[in-house]
Every structure is written in C-alpha cells, then in structure tokens.
C-alpha cells in the first residue's frame, strides 16, 4: 500500500504543460517525464529515423502532427493519473 501511495504522490507532481513542452523540444521527452519510458524511447527513435530517411519538409509535417497527437495523449494521461489520486 505504501508503494502505491508513493507512486500516486509522485504522479501528482507531474505537469502536463511541462510534458507537452518536453515532447515539443525532444520527441518522447514528455513521455519519459510522465513515466512512460518505453513509449518515450520509441517516439525518439521513430522521429530520429523519420528525419534521417525523409526530406525535411515531410519530416517537419509529421513532427508537427505527431506533437499535436502527443499533446492530446499527455492530457489524457494526466487526467487518468488525477483520477487515481
């Protein structure tokens, strides 16, 4: 029980805005900040590959769209974490 309380208190301290900004600056950074390490690393690898494989305009378009999706996901994750508290 104490472990769950510690996790809940730790989750409560996470800022959705900070996670969104981190995802904008470093793809996957917001996920890592929110505790979704594997998702963050996968996002970072996928975006890095996109930038190396695709042209800059195409990669930029995908990056922008993906940031919108990740921002929405961050708000949903934060909402779920608030419900756990």
Protein backbone atom coordinates (compact mmCIF):
# COMPACT_ATOMS: atom_id res chain seq x y z
CA UNK A 1 0.00 0.00 0.00
CA UNK A 2 2.81 2.40 0.83
CA UNK A 3 4.35 1.83 -2.60
CA UNK A 4 1.07 2.83 -4.28
CA UNK A 5 0.87 5.94 -2.14
CA UNK A 6 4.40 6.94 -3.10
CA UNK A 7 3.64 6.34 -6.80
CA UNK A 8 0.42 8.34 -6.55
CA UNK A 9 2.16 11.27 -4.85
CA UNK A 10 4.96 11.16 -7.42
CA UNK A 11 2.45 11.11 -10.30
CA UNK A 12 0.59 14.05 -8.81
CA UNK A 13 3.67 16.26 -9.13
CA UNK A 14 3.92 15.88 -12.94
CA UNK A 15 2.97 18.89 -15.02
CA UNK A 16 1.05 18.30 -18.24
CA UNK A 17 2.36 21.57 -19.67
CA UNK A 18 5.94 20.58 -18.95
CA UNK A 19 5.38 17.20 -20.61
CA UNK A 20 3.96 18.84 -23.73
CA UNK A 21 6.89 21.28 -23.93
CA UNK A 22 9.38 18.44 -23.45
CA UNK A 23 7.72 16.48 -26.27
CA UNK A 24 7.95 19.54 -28.47
CA UNK A 25 11.65 20.04 -27.73
CA UNK A 26 12.66 16.37 -27.70
CA UNK A 27 10.23 13.85 -29.18
CA UNK A 28 9.37 11.37 -26.45
CA UNK A 29 10.78 13.57 -23.70
CA UNK A 30 7.35 14.28 -22.27
CA UNK A 31 6.52 10.60 -22.14
CA UNK A 32 9.75 9.91 -20.27
CA UNK A 33 8.94 12.76 -17.88
CA UNK A 34 5.47 11.28 -17.24
CA UNK A 35 7.00 7.87 -16.52
CA UNK A 36 6.33 6.18 -19.86
CA UNK A 37 9.98 5.45 -20.58
CA UNK A 38 9.48 2.81 -23.28
CA UNK A 39 6.94 4.95 -25.17
CA UNK A 40 9.31 7.91 -24.97
CA UNK A 41 12.28 5.97 -26.31
CA UNK A 42 10.18 4.53 -29.15
CA UNK A 43 8.94 8.02 -30.07
CA UNK A 44 12.50 9.35 -30.04
CA UNK A 45 13.79 6.53 -32.26
CA UNK A 46 10.90 6.82 -34.73
CA UNK A 47 11.29 10.59 -35.07
CA UNK A 48 15.05 10.33 -35.45
CA UNK A 49 14.61 7.77 -38.23
CA UNK A 50 11.99 9.96 -39.92
CA UNK A 51 14.35 12.92 -40.02
CA UNK A 52 17.17 10.85 -41.49
CA UNK A 53 15.03 8.98 -44.03
CA UNK A 54 12.60 11.68 -45.19
CA UNK A 55 13.02 15.13 -46.63
CA UNK A 56 12.99 18.00 -44.15
CA UNK A 57 9.51 19.35 -45.10
CA UNK A 58 7.89 15.91 -44.87
CA UNK A 59 9.58 15.11 -41.57
CA UNK A 60 8.61 18.53 -40.19
CA UNK A 61 4.96 17.96 -41.12
CA UNK A 62 4.95 14.58 -39.41
CA UNK A 63 6.72 16.06 -36.37
CA UNK A 64 4.12 18.84 -36.07
CA UNK A 65 1.16 16.48 -36.40
CA UNK A 66 2.68 13.97 -34.00
CA UNK A 67 3.24 16.72 -31.43
CA UNK A 68 -0.47 17.52 -31.56
CA UNK A 69 -1.32 13.86 -31.03
CA UNK A 70 1.21 13.53 -28.20
CA UNK A 71 -0.11 16.70 -26.54
CA UNK A 72 -3.60 15.21 -26.57
CA UNK A 73 -2.21 11.95 -25.19
CA UNK A 74 -0.40 13.83 -22.41
CA UNK A 75 -3.64 15.50 -21.34
CA UNK A 76 -5.41 12.13 -21.32
CA UNK A 77 -2.59 10.55 -19.31
CA UNK A 78 -2.70 13.40 -16.80
CA UNK A 79 -6.47 13.05 -16.48
CA UNK A 80 -6.14 9.32 -15.78
CA UNK A 81 -3.45 9.97 -13.19
CA UNK A 82 -5.61 12.57 -11.44
CA UNK A 83 -8.42 10.02 -11.21
CA UNK A 84 -6.05 7.60 -9.45
CA UNK A 85 -5.29 10.17 -6.77
